[in-house]
Every structure is written in C-alpha cells, then in structure tokens.
Amino acid sequence: MNREQENEHEFLDALLNNAGAGVNVNDDIFLVAQMILQEKSSPNLLPYQENIVNELSEIIKHQEQVIQKQTENKFLHNIYELDLLRTKYMLKSYLRLRLGKVQKFYLYFMQHEPRQSLLSANERDFLKKFYQLRWSGSTQNS
C-alpha cells in the first residue's frame, strides 16, 4: 500500500469511526431523521433531544477538523465535505422545525412555564426574545 492509499484509509477510518469515539455518524443521522419525522408528526412540541444534538454537534466539529487535514485527494475531500453538509442540514432542519413550533405556540409556552422544560436553553432564550418583540410590536401598533 502506498502512502496516498494509507492516507485515504486513515481518513476513511477517522470519518466512519469518528476517530475512535465509538459513534457511528450514520446512526446519528438516522436518529435525527427519526426526530424530524416525530416532530413533524406531533402537533405538540416534543422534548428536546439534548444528548443527540450535542453528540451530532461534536461530530460535525470533528468532521470539519478531519476534512481540513485532508488535502491530498480532492475527490475524497469533496465526498466527505458533502456528507458533512448533509449532517449539518439534518441538524438544522430539526432545530428549525422546533423553532417554528415555538413561534407558533409562544403564548402557550409563556403562560405555562412548566411546559418550557421541553425547550433547550437556546430555545427558551429565543422564546423570551420573540415574546418581547411580539408584545412590544403590538403595543406600538395600538
């Protein structure tokens, strides 16, 4: 095996095995796809899946680092960059879907604080700012 093939092999192993972290990226993508389908199917906001989102965020950071190091084989670089974009898209889709529900039901969440436990810390911050904007805008129009 020549040096270029060894580099390709190491690069593939690092991406597929997430550099020994014991995490299969495709399993996480499958979980996010399930989370998206469940969130779309439910009229209510489902509990935030913090562990999966954090794990996928770490995988994305790691993949970005590995891809930056891969400069020898442009073809492989492009393939894995495309896979990284897919992973980012799936995660953003899940988060965007949740924010849409927060916007739609913001009054309910503000009136029922125990239901805010379904939200992540960032979603709670978004809810409070969105609420302030909506109410400050409605009082100015009156």
N, C-alpha and C. Protein backbone atom coordinates (compact mmCIF):
# COMPACT_ATOMS: atom_id res chain seq x y z
N MET A 1 0.85 -1.16 0.00
CA MET A 1 0.00 0.00 0.00
C MET A 1 0.90 1.23 0.00
N ASN A 2 0.66 2.15 -0.95
CA ASN A 2 1.50 3.35 -1.00
C ASN A 2 0.99 4.39 0.00
N ARG A 3 1.72 5.46 0.14
CA ARG A 3 1.43 6.48 1.15
C ARG A 3 0.07 7.13 0.92
N GLU A 4 -0.30 7.40 -0.32
CA GLU A 4 -1.59 8.03 -0.62
C GLU A 4 -2.74 7.11 -0.21
N GLN A 5 -2.61 5.83 -0.49
CA GLN A 5 -3.65 4.87 -0.09
C GLN A 5 -3.75 4.77 1.42
N GLU A 6 -2.62 4.83 2.11
CA GLU A 6 -2.64 4.80 3.57
C GLU A 6 -3.36 6.02 4.13
N ASN A 7 -3.09 7.18 3.53
CA ASN A 7 -3.77 8.40 3.97
C ASN A 7 -5.27 8.31 3.74
N GLU A 8 -5.67 7.78 2.60
CA GLU A 8 -7.09 7.62 2.31
C GLU A 8 -7.73 6.68 3.31
N HIS A 9 -7.02 5.60 3.61
CA HIS A 9 -7.54 4.62 4.55
C HIS A 9 -7.71 5.23 5.94
N GLU A 10 -6.73 5.98 6.39
CA GLU A 10 -6.81 6.65 7.69
C GLU A 10 -7.94 7.67 7.71
N PHE A 11 -8.09 8.40 6.62
CA PHE A 11 -9.14 9.40 6.51
C PHE A 11 -10.52 8.75 6.59
N LEU A 12 -10.69 7.67 5.86
CA LEU A 12 -11.97 6.94 5.89
C LEU A 12 -12.26 6.40 7.28
N ASP A 13 -11.27 5.81 7.89
CA ASP A 13 -11.46 5.28 9.24
C ASP A 13 -11.84 6.38 10.22
N ALA A 14 -11.17 7.51 10.12
CA ALA A 14 -11.46 8.61 11.04
C ALA A 14 -12.88 9.10 10.89
N LEU A 15 -13.34 9.23 9.65
CA LEU A 15 -14.71 9.70 9.45
C LEU A 15 -15.75 8.65 9.82
N LEU A 16 -15.52 7.43 9.42
CA LEU A 16 -16.51 6.40 9.68
C LEU A 16 -16.59 6.02 11.15
N ASN A 17 -15.47 6.05 11.83
CA ASN A 17 -15.45 5.66 13.24
C ASN A 17 -15.38 6.87 14.17
N ASN A 18 -15.42 8.06 13.60
CA ASN A 18 -15.31 9.30 14.37
C ASN A 18 -14.07 9.26 15.25
N ALA A 19 -12.98 8.84 14.68
CA ALA A 19 -11.67 8.82 15.34
C ALA A 19 -11.70 8.09 16.66
N GLY A 20 -12.34 6.93 16.67
CA GLY A 20 -12.32 6.09 17.85
C GLY A 20 -13.29 6.47 18.93
N ALA A 21 -14.20 7.40 18.67
CA ALA A 21 -15.15 7.82 19.69
C ALA A 21 -16.26 6.80 19.88
N GLY A 22 -16.30 5.79 19.05
CA GLY A 22 -17.32 4.76 19.19
C GLY A 22 -18.69 5.19 18.70
N VAL A 23 -18.73 6.23 17.89
CA VAL A 23 -20.00 6.76 17.41
C VAL A 23 -20.07 6.55 15.91
N ASN A 24 -21.17 6.00 15.46
CA ASN A 24 -21.38 5.84 14.04
C ASN A 24 -22.21 7.03 13.56
N VAL A 25 -21.64 7.83 12.68
CA VAL A 25 -22.29 9.04 12.20
C VAL A 25 -23.63 8.71 11.54
N ASN A 26 -23.69 7.63 10.78
CA ASN A 26 -24.93 7.28 10.11
C ASN A 26 -26.04 6.93 11.09
N ASP A 27 -25.69 6.32 12.23
CA ASP A 27 -26.70 6.05 13.26
C ASP A 27 -27.28 7.35 13.79
N ASP A 28 -26.42 8.34 14.00
CA ASP A 28 -26.90 9.63 14.49
C ASP A 28 -27.76 10.34 13.46
N ILE A 29 -27.38 10.24 12.20
CA ILE A 29 -28.19 10.84 11.14
C ILE A 29 -29.56 10.17 11.10
N PHE A 30 -29.58 8.86 11.26
CA PHE A 30 -30.84 8.13 11.30
C PHE A 30 -31.69 8.60 12.48
N LEU A 31 -31.07 8.79 13.63
CA LEU A 31 -31.80 9.27 14.81
C LEU A 31 -32.36 10.68 14.57
N VAL A 32 -31.59 11.54 13.96
CA VAL A 32 -32.07 12.90 13.68
C VAL A 32 -33.22 12.84 12.67
N ALA A 33 -33.12 11.96 11.68
CA ALA A 33 -34.22 11.81 10.72
C ALA A 33 -35.49 11.35 11.44
N GLN A 34 -35.35 10.43 12.37
CA GLN A 34 -36.50 9.99 13.17
C GLN A 34 -37.04 11.14 14.01
N MET A 35 -36.16 11.91 14.60
CA MET A 35 -36.60 13.05 15.43
C MET A 35 -37.37 14.06 14.59
N ILE A 36 -36.91 14.30 13.36
CA ILE A 36 -37.60 15.23 12.47
C ILE A 36 -38.99 14.71 12.14
N LEU A 37 -39.08 13.43 11.78
CA LEU A 37 -40.38 12.85 11.45
C LEU A 37 -41.32 12.88 12.65
N GLN A 38 -40.83 12.56 13.82
CA GLN A 38 -41.66 12.59 15.02
C GLN A 38 -42.12 14.01 15.33
N GLU A 39 -41.21 14.96 15.19
CA GLU A 39 -41.56 16.35 15.48
C GLU A 39 -42.58 16.88 14.47
N LYS A 40 -42.42 16.49 13.20
CA LYS A 40 -43.38 16.90 12.18
C LYS A 40 -44.75 16.26 12.39
N SER A 41 -44.75 15.03 12.88
CA SER A 41 -46.00 14.28 13.06
C SER A 41 -46.76 14.71 14.30
N SER A 42 -46.09 15.28 15.26
CA SER A 42 -46.72 15.66 16.51
C SER A 42 -47.23 17.11 16.44
N PRO A 43 -48.47 17.32 16.85
CA PRO A 43 -48.95 18.70 16.89
C PRO A 43 -48.31 19.50 18.01
N ASN A 44 -47.81 18.81 19.03
CA ASN A 44 -47.15 19.45 20.17
C ASN A 44 -45.64 19.37 20.02
N LEU A 45 -44.98 20.26 20.74
CA LEU A 45 -43.52 20.23 20.77
C LEU A 45 -43.08 19.05 21.64
N LEU A 46 -42.22 18.24 21.10
CA LEU A 46 -41.69 17.09 21.84
C LEU A 46 -40.49 17.52 22.67
N PRO A 47 -40.10 16.73 23.67
CA PRO A 47 -38.93 17.09 24.47
C PRO A 47 -37.68 17.22 23.60
N TYR A 48 -36.87 18.21 23.95
CA TYR A 48 -35.62 18.47 23.24
C TYR A 48 -34.65 17.31 23.48
N GLN A 49 -34.06 16.82 22.43
CA GLN A 49 -33.13 15.69 22.50
C GLN A 49 -31.69 16.22 22.63
N GLU A 50 -31.39 16.71 23.80
CA GLU A 50 -30.11 17.38 24.03
C GLU A 50 -28.91 16.49 23.78
N ASN A 51 -28.96 15.25 24.24
CA ASN A 51 -27.81 14.35 24.08
C ASN A 51 -27.48 14.11 22.60
N ILE A 52 -28.50 13.86 21.81
CA ILE A 52 -28.28 13.58 20.39
C ILE A 52 -27.79 14.82 19.67
N VAL A 53 -28.40 15.97 19.97
CA VAL A 53 -27.99 17.22 19.32
C VAL A 53 -26.54 17.56 19.69
N ASN A 54 -26.20 17.43 20.96
CA ASN A 54 -24.82 17.72 21.38
C ASN A 54 -23.83 16.76 20.74
N GLU A 55 -24.19 15.48 20.69
CA GLU A 55 -23.31 14.48 20.07
C GLU A 55 -23.09 14.78 18.59
N LEU A 56 -24.17 15.12 17.91
CA LEU A 56 -24.06 15.43 16.48
C LEU A 56 -23.26 16.71 16.26
N SER A 57 -23.41 17.68 17.13
CA SER A 57 -22.62 18.91 17.03
C SER A 57 -21.13 18.62 17.19
N GLU A 58 -20.79 17.74 18.12
CA GLU A 58 -19.40 17.35 18.31
C GLU A 58 -18.87 16.60 17.09
N ILE A 59 -19.69 15.74 16.53
CA ILE A 59 -19.28 15.00 15.33
C ILE A 59 -19.02 15.97 14.19
N ILE A 60 -19.88 16.97 14.05
CA ILE A 60 -19.71 17.96 12.98
C ILE A 60 -18.38 18.70 13.17
N LYS A 61 -18.09 19.12 14.39
CA LYS A 61 -16.82 19.82 14.64
C LYS A 61 -15.63 18.92 14.31
N HIS A 62 -15.74 17.66 14.72
CA HIS A 62 -14.64 16.72 14.45
C HIS A 62 -14.48 16.47 12.95
N GLN A 63 -15.60 16.30 12.25
CA GLN A 63 -15.53 16.07 10.80
C GLN A 63 -14.90 17.27 10.10
N GLU A 64 -15.23 18.46 10.54
CA GLU A 64 -14.64 19.66 9.94
C GLU A 64 -13.13 19.67 10.10
N GLN A 65 -12.66 19.28 11.27
CA GLN A 65 -11.22 19.22 11.52
C GLN A 65 -10.55 18.16 10.64
N VAL A 66 -11.17 17.00 10.54
CA VAL A 66 -10.60 15.91 9.74
C VAL A 66 -10.57 16.31 8.27
N ILE A 67 -11.63 16.92 7.80
CA ILE A 67 -11.71 17.32 6.39
C ILE A 67 -10.67 18.39 6.06
N GLN A 68 -10.44 19.30 6.98
CA GLN A 68 -9.43 20.33 6.75
C GLN A 68 -8.04 19.73 6.57
N LYS A 69 -7.79 18.62 7.24
CA LYS A 69 -6.49 17.96 7.14
C LYS A 69 -6.36 17.19 5.82
N GLN A 70 -7.48 16.79 5.24
CA GLN A 70 -7.47 16.00 4.00
C GLN A 70 -7.36 16.94 2.81
N THR A 71 -6.16 17.09 2.29
CA THR A 71 -5.95 17.97 1.14
C THR A 71 -5.36 17.23 -0.05
N GLU A 72 -4.88 16.01 0.17
CA GLU A 72 -4.19 15.29 -0.89
C GLU A 72 -5.15 14.78 -1.96
N ASN A 73 -6.26 14.21 -1.56
CA ASN A 73 -7.20 13.63 -2.51
C ASN A 73 -8.46 14.50 -2.55
N LYS A 74 -8.56 15.31 -3.59
CA LYS A 74 -9.66 16.26 -3.73
C LYS A 74 -11.01 15.55 -3.85
N PHE A 75 -11.04 14.41 -4.51
CA PHE A 75 -12.28 13.66 -4.69
C PHE A 75 -12.85 13.22 -3.35
N LEU A 76 -12.00 12.60 -2.51
CA LEU A 76 -12.44 12.18 -1.19
C LEU A 76 -12.82 13.37 -0.33
N HIS A 77 -12.04 14.42 -0.44
CA HIS A 77 -12.33 15.64 0.31
C HIS A 77 -13.74 16.13 -0.02
N ASN A 78 -14.08 16.17 -1.29
CA ASN A 78 -15.40 16.65 -1.72
C ASN A 78 -16.52 15.72 -1.27
N ILE A 79 -16.28 14.43 -1.32
CA ILE A 79 -17.31 13.47 -0.88
C ILE A 79 -17.60 13.66 0.60
N TYR A 80 -16.58 13.77 1.41
CA TYR A 80 -16.80 13.91 2.84
C TYR A 80 -17.30 15.29 3.23
N GLU A 81 -16.94 16.26 2.44
CA GLU A 81 -17.49 17.59 2.67
C GLU A 81 -18.99 17.59 2.39
N LEU A 82 -19.39 16.87 1.36
CA LEU A 82 -20.81 16.73 1.03
C LEU A 82 -21.55 16.01 2.15
N ASP A 83 -20.94 14.98 2.71
CA ASP A 83 -21.54 14.25 3.82
C ASP A 83 -21.66 15.16 5.05
N LEU A 84 -20.68 15.99 5.26
CA LEU A 84 -20.73 16.95 6.36
C LEU A 84 -21.89 17.92 6.16
N LEU A 85 -22.06 18.40 4.95
CA LEU A 85 -23.18 19.30 4.66
C LEU A 85 -24.52 18.62 4.91
N ARG A 86 -24.62 17.35 4.59
CA ARG A 86 -25.85 16.59 4.84
C ARG A 86 -26.12 16.53 6.34
N THR A 87 -25.10 16.27 7.11
CA THR A 87 -25.24 16.18 8.56
C THR A 87 -25.69 17.52 9.13
N LYS A 88 -25.07 18.60 8.69
CA LYS A 88 -25.44 19.93 9.15
C LYS A 88 -26.89 20.25 8.77
N TYR A 89 -27.26 19.89 7.55
CA TYR A 89 -28.62 20.16 7.08
C TYR A 89 -29.66 19.44 7.95
N MET A 90 -29.39 18.19 8.27
CA MET A 90 -30.33 17.41 9.09
C MET A 90 -30.48 18.05 10.47
N LEU A 91 -29.39 18.43 11.07
CA LEU A 91 -29.45 19.03 12.40
C LEU A 91 -30.18 20.37 12.35
N LYS A 92 -29.86 21.18 11.36
CA LYS A 92 -30.53 22.48 11.23
C LYS A 92 -32.02 22.32 10.95
N SER A 93 -32.39 21.31 10.19
CA SER A 93 -33.81 21.06 9.91
C SER A 93 -34.57 20.76 11.19
N TYR A 94 -33.97 19.94 12.05
CA TYR A 94 -34.60 19.60 13.32
C TYR A 94 -34.77 20.86 14.18
N LEU A 95 -33.72 21.64 14.29
CA LEU A 95 -33.77 22.84 15.12
C LEU A 95 -34.73 23.88 14.56
N ARG A 96 -34.74 24.04 13.24
CA ARG A 96 -35.64 24.99 12.59
C ARG A 96 -37.10 24.59 12.80
N LEU A 97 -37.38 23.30 12.71
CA LEU A 97 -38.73 22.79 12.93
C LEU A 97 -39.20 23.10 14.35
N ARG A 98 -38.33 22.91 15.30
CA ARG A 98 -38.67 23.20 16.70
C ARG A 98 -38.91 24.69 16.91
N LEU A 99 -38.06 25.54 16.32
CA LEU A 99 -38.25 26.98 16.47
C LEU A 99 -39.56 27.44 15.83
N GLY A 100 -39.97 26.79 14.75
CA GLY A 100 -41.25 27.10 14.14
C GLY A 100 -42.41 26.83 15.09
N LYS A 101 -42.33 25.74 15.82
CA LYS A 101 -43.38 25.43 16.81
C LYS A 101 -43.32 26.40 17.99
N VAL A 102 -42.14 26.79 18.38
CA VAL A 102 -42.01 27.77 19.47
C VAL A 102 -42.65 29.08 19.05
N GLN A 103 -42.41 29.51 17.82
CA GLN A 103 -43.02 30.74 17.32
C GLN A 103 -44.55 30.61 17.25
N LYS A 104 -45.00 29.47 16.80
CA LYS A 104 -46.44 29.27 16.63
C LYS A 104 -47.17 29.25 17.98
N PHE A 105 -46.56 28.66 18.99
CA PHE A 105 -47.21 28.49 20.29
C PHE A 105 -46.54 29.31 21.39
N TYR A 106 -45.96 30.44 21.05
CA TYR A 106 -45.19 31.21 22.03
C TYR A 106 -46.05 31.66 23.21
N LEU A 107 -47.30 32.03 22.97
CA LEU A 107 -48.16 32.47 24.09
C LEU A 107 -48.42 31.32 25.05
N TYR A 108 -48.64 30.15 24.52
CA TYR A 108 -48.88 28.98 25.36
C TYR A 108 -47.67 28.70 26.25
N PHE A 109 -46.48 28.74 25.66
CA PHE A 109 -45.27 28.47 26.44
C PHE A 109 -45.02 29.55 27.50
N MET A 110 -45.35 30.79 27.17
CA MET A 110 -45.15 31.87 28.14
C MET A 110 -46.16 31.76 29.28
N GLN A 111 -47.37 31.31 29.01
CA GLN A 111 -48.40 31.19 30.04
C GLN A 111 -48.27 29.92 30.87
N HIS A 112 -47.60 28.91 30.35
CA HIS A 112 -47.43 27.63 31.04
C HIS A 112 -45.94 27.35 31.20
N GLU A 113 -45.34 27.97 32.18
CA GLU A 113 -43.89 27.84 32.36
C GLU A 113 -43.41 26.41 32.52
N PRO A 114 -44.16 25.50 33.17
CA PRO A 114 -43.68 24.12 33.26
C PRO A 114 -43.46 23.47 31.89
N ARG A 115 -44.19 23.91 30.88
CA ARG A 115 -44.02 23.36 29.53
C ARG A 115 -42.70 23.82 28.90
N GLN A 116 -42.09 24.85 29.46
CA GLN A 116 -40.81 25.32 28.94
C GLN A 116 -39.70 24.32 29.19
N SER A 117 -39.97 23.32 30.01
CA SER A 117 -38.97 22.27 30.23
C SER A 117 -38.74 21.44 28.97
N LEU A 118 -39.65 21.55 28.01
CA LEU A 118 -39.48 20.85 26.73
C LEU A 118 -38.45 21.54 25.85
N LEU A 119 -38.09 22.76 26.20
CA LEU A 119 -37.21 23.58 25.37
C LEU A 119 -35.76 23.49 25.83
N SER A 120 -34.87 23.69 24.88
CA SER A 120 -33.46 23.82 25.22
C SER A 120 -33.24 25.23 25.79
N ALA A 121 -32.08 25.47 26.35
CA ALA A 121 -31.77 26.80 26.89
C ALA A 121 -31.82 27.85 25.78
N ASN A 122 -31.29 27.52 24.61
CA ASN A 122 -31.33 28.46 23.48
C ASN A 122 -32.75 28.71 23.02
N GLU A 123 -33.58 27.68 23.03
CA GLU A 123 -34.98 27.85 22.62
C GLU A 123 -35.73 28.71 23.64
N ARG A 124 -35.43 28.56 24.93
CA ARG A 124 -36.06 29.41 25.96
C ARG A 124 -35.65 30.87 25.77
N ASP A 125 -34.38 31.11 25.47
CA ASP A 125 -33.93 32.48 25.18
C ASP A 125 -34.64 33.04 23.96
N PHE A 126 -34.75 32.22 22.92
CA PHE A 126 -35.45 32.63 21.71
C PHE A 126 -36.90 32.97 22.03
N LEU A 127 -37.56 32.12 22.82
CA LEU A 127 -38.96 32.33 23.20
C LEU A 127 -39.14 33.67 23.90
N LYS A 128 -38.29 33.97 24.84
CA LYS A 128 -38.41 35.23 25.60
C LYS A 128 -38.19 36.43 24.69
N LYS A 129 -37.21 36.36 23.82
CA LYS A 129 -36.95 37.48 22.90
C LYS A 129 -38.08 37.62 21.89
N PHE A 130 -38.56 36.49 21.38
CA PHE A 130 -39.67 36.52 20.42
C PHE A 130 -40.91 37.11 21.08
N TYR A 131 -41.20 36.71 22.30
CA TYR A 131 -42.34 37.23 23.05
C TYR A 131 -42.22 38.74 23.23
N GLN A 132 -41.04 39.20 23.62
CA GLN A 132 -40.82 40.63 23.81
C GLN A 132 -41.02 41.40 22.52
N LEU A 133 -40.51 40.86 21.43
CA LEU A 133 -40.68 41.52 20.12
C LEU A 133 -42.15 41.57 19.71
N ARG A 134 -42.86 40.47 19.90
CA ARG A 134 -44.28 40.43 19.52
C ARG A 134 -45.10 41.42 20.34
N TRP A 135 -44.85 41.46 21.64
CA TRP A 135 -45.64 42.31 22.50
C TRP A 135 -45.21 43.77 22.39
N SER A 136 -43.95 44.03 22.17
CA SER A 136 -43.53 45.42 22.00
C SER A 136 -44.04 45.95 20.67
N GLY A 137 -44.10 45.07 19.66
CA GLY A 137 -44.64 45.47 18.36
C GLY A 137 -46.13 45.71 18.40
N SER A 138 -46.88 44.92 19.19
CA SER A 138 -48.33 45.07 19.24
C SER A 138 -48.74 46.29 20.06
N THR A 139 -47.94 46.68 21.05
CA THR A 139 -48.27 47.87 21.84
C THR A 139 -47.96 49.14 21.06
N GLN A 140 -46.98 49.08 20.17
CA GLN A 140 -46.66 50.25 19.34
C GLN A 140 -47.74 50.48 18.28
N ASN A 141 -48.34 49.39 17.80
CA ASN A 141 -49.37 49.50 16.76
C ASN A 141 -50.70 49.95 17.32
N SER A 142 -50.90 49.89 18.63
CA SER A 142 -52.18 50.24 19.24
C SER A 142 -52.37 51.73 19.35
